[in-house]
Amino acid sequence: MVSIKKYKKQRDKRRVRIRAKIRGTKERPRLSVFRSNKHIYAQLIDDYGGETLTAASDLELKTASGTKTKIAAEVGKVLAEKAGKLGIKKVVFDRGGYKYHGRVKALAEGARQGGLKF
């Protein structure tokens, strides 16, 4: 079994490799995902301006019921809706060192259903 410290260190290394290749701009921001054991968070980031354009999490959902995967898909849809209000259609996906599987994949698919392209 992998210890918590070792897992975090491995995830940090993966995250650094990913971030070396992608950058978010104002026209095409980076969709960054953070997944904890209980919650999931996503935000659109302009790396050149150094600012968060918009964010969404399962904490702001009024009817957060069902599996964590279904809730993650709803968070993706909410984020896409907020991005649409800002005029953002295209993003760069940053999975944050997590596998593209489960809740991270569900969030991405929810954002795509909401109208984001990546």
Protein backbone atom coordinates (compact mmCIF):
# COMPACT_ATOMS: atom_id res chain seq x y z
CA MET A 1 0.00 0.00 0.00
CA VAL A 2 1.25 3.46 -0.91
CA SER A 3 1.52 5.84 2.03
CA ILE A 4 -0.23 9.22 1.97
CA LYS A 5 3.05 11.17 1.80
CA LYS A 6 4.35 9.07 -1.07
CA TYR A 7 1.06 9.42 -2.99
CA LYS A 8 1.08 13.20 -2.54
CA LYS A 9 4.69 13.39 -3.69
CA GLN A 10 3.90 11.32 -6.80
CA ARG A 11 0.85 13.46 -7.57
CA ASP A 12 2.90 16.65 -7.15
CA LYS A 13 5.46 15.34 -9.65
CA ARG A 14 2.72 14.55 -12.16
CA ARG A 15 1.15 17.97 -11.62
CA VAL A 16 4.47 19.72 -12.33
CA ARG A 17 4.92 17.74 -15.56
CA ILE A 18 1.42 18.68 -16.69
CA ARG A 19 1.82 22.37 -15.79
CA ALA A 20 5.08 22.58 -17.75
CA LYS A 21 3.12 21.86 -20.93
CA ILE A 22 -0.08 23.89 -20.51
CA ARG A 23 -0.83 27.55 -19.81
CA GLY A 24 -4.11 29.35 -19.50
CA THR A 25 -4.82 32.67 -21.18
CA LYS A 26 -7.73 35.07 -20.88
CA GLU A 27 -9.24 33.76 -24.13
CA ARG A 28 -8.51 30.08 -23.34
CA PRO A 29 -8.11 29.64 -19.57
CA ARG A 30 -6.90 26.56 -17.74
CA LEU A 31 -9.66 24.44 -16.18
CA SER A 32 -8.00 23.25 -12.98
CA VAL A 33 -9.50 20.40 -10.93
CA PHE A 34 -8.96 19.63 -7.25
CA ARG A 35 -10.47 16.50 -5.78
CA SER A 36 -10.59 15.76 -2.07
CA ASN A 37 -12.16 12.74 -0.42
CA LYS A 38 -15.47 14.57 0.16
CA HIS A 39 -15.60 17.40 -2.35
CA ILE A 40 -14.56 18.45 -5.85
CA TYR A 41 -13.55 21.93 -6.98
CA ALA A 42 -12.88 23.41 -10.43
CA GLN A 43 -11.72 26.83 -11.51
CA LEU A 44 -10.82 28.68 -14.69
CA ILE A 45 -7.42 30.34 -14.39
CA ASP A 46 -5.63 32.93 -16.51
CA ASP A 47 -1.97 32.04 -15.84
CA TYR A 48 -0.55 35.08 -17.63
CA GLY A 49 -2.74 37.49 -15.70
CA GLY A 50 -2.40 35.45 -12.50
CA GLU A 51 -6.10 35.46 -11.72
CA THR A 52 -9.00 33.08 -11.26
CA LEU A 53 -11.76 33.98 -13.71
CA THR A 54 -14.50 31.81 -12.18
CA ALA A 55 -14.85 28.76 -9.97
CA ALA A 56 -17.37 26.10 -9.02
CA SER A 57 -17.57 23.37 -6.40
CA ASP A 58 -20.05 20.90 -5.02
CA LEU A 59 -20.42 23.10 -1.94
CA GLU A 60 -22.46 25.64 -3.92
CA LEU A 61 -24.89 23.10 -5.37
CA LYS A 62 -28.30 23.33 -3.76
CA THR A 63 -29.43 19.80 -4.59
CA ALA A 64 -26.20 17.87 -4.07
CA SER A 65 -27.52 14.34 -3.86
CA GLY A 66 -26.47 11.14 -5.56
CA THR A 67 -23.04 9.67 -6.04
CA LYS A 68 -19.90 11.78 -5.95
CA THR A 69 -19.44 11.09 -9.67
CA LYS A 70 -22.88 12.52 -10.52
CA ILE A 71 -22.21 15.54 -8.33
CA ALA A 72 -18.88 16.10 -10.14
CA ALA A 73 -20.71 16.11 -13.48
CA GLU A 74 -23.09 18.76 -12.11
CA VAL A 75 -20.11 20.88 -10.98
CA GLY A 76 -18.76 20.69 -14.55
CA LYS A 77 -22.09 21.91 -15.94
CA VAL A 78 -22.24 24.78 -13.43
CA LEU A 79 -18.69 25.83 -14.31
CA ALA A 80 -19.51 25.74 -18.04
CA GLU A 81 -22.57 27.90 -17.41
CA LYS A 82 -20.49 30.47 -15.51
CA ALA A 83 -17.86 30.42 -18.25
CA GLY A 84 -20.53 31.01 -20.88
CA LYS A 85 -21.64 34.15 -19.07
CA LEU A 86 -18.04 35.40 -19.32
CA GLY A 87 -17.90 34.56 -23.03
CA ILE A 88 -15.47 31.65 -22.63
CA LYS A 89 -16.00 28.71 -24.98
CA LYS A 90 -12.55 27.03 -25.11
CA VAL A 91 -10.40 25.90 -22.19
CA VAL A 92 -7.27 23.87 -21.50
CA PHE A 93 -7.95 20.95 -19.14
CA ASP A 94 -5.64 20.49 -16.15
CA ARG A 95 -6.42 17.28 -14.31
CA GLY A 96 -4.15 18.29 -11.42
CA GLY A 97 -2.11 15.09 -11.35
CA TYR A 98 -5.16 12.87 -10.92
CA LYS A 99 -6.03 10.04 -13.29
CA TYR A 100 -8.54 10.96 -15.97
CA HIS A 101 -11.02 8.59 -14.41
CA GLY A 102 -14.06 8.67 -12.15
CA ARG A 103 -14.92 12.07 -10.73
CA VAL A 104 -12.32 13.97 -12.76
CA LYS A 105 -13.63 12.44 -15.99
CA ALA A 106 -17.24 13.11 -14.94
CA LEU A 107 -16.44 16.78 -14.27
CA ALA A 108 -14.79 17.08 -17.70
CA GLU A 109 -17.75 15.45 -19.45
CA GLY A 110 -20.18 17.69 -17.55
CA ALA A 111 -18.22 20.75 -18.67
CA ARG A 112 -18.35 19.51 -22.26
CA GLN A 113 -22.11 18.99 -22.00
CA GLY A 114 -22.37 22.54 -20.69
CA GLY A 115 -20.69 23.88 -23.84
CA LEU A 116 -16.96 24.09 -23.11
CA LYS A 117 -14.54 22.83 -25.78
CA PHE A 118 -11.25 21.12 -24.93
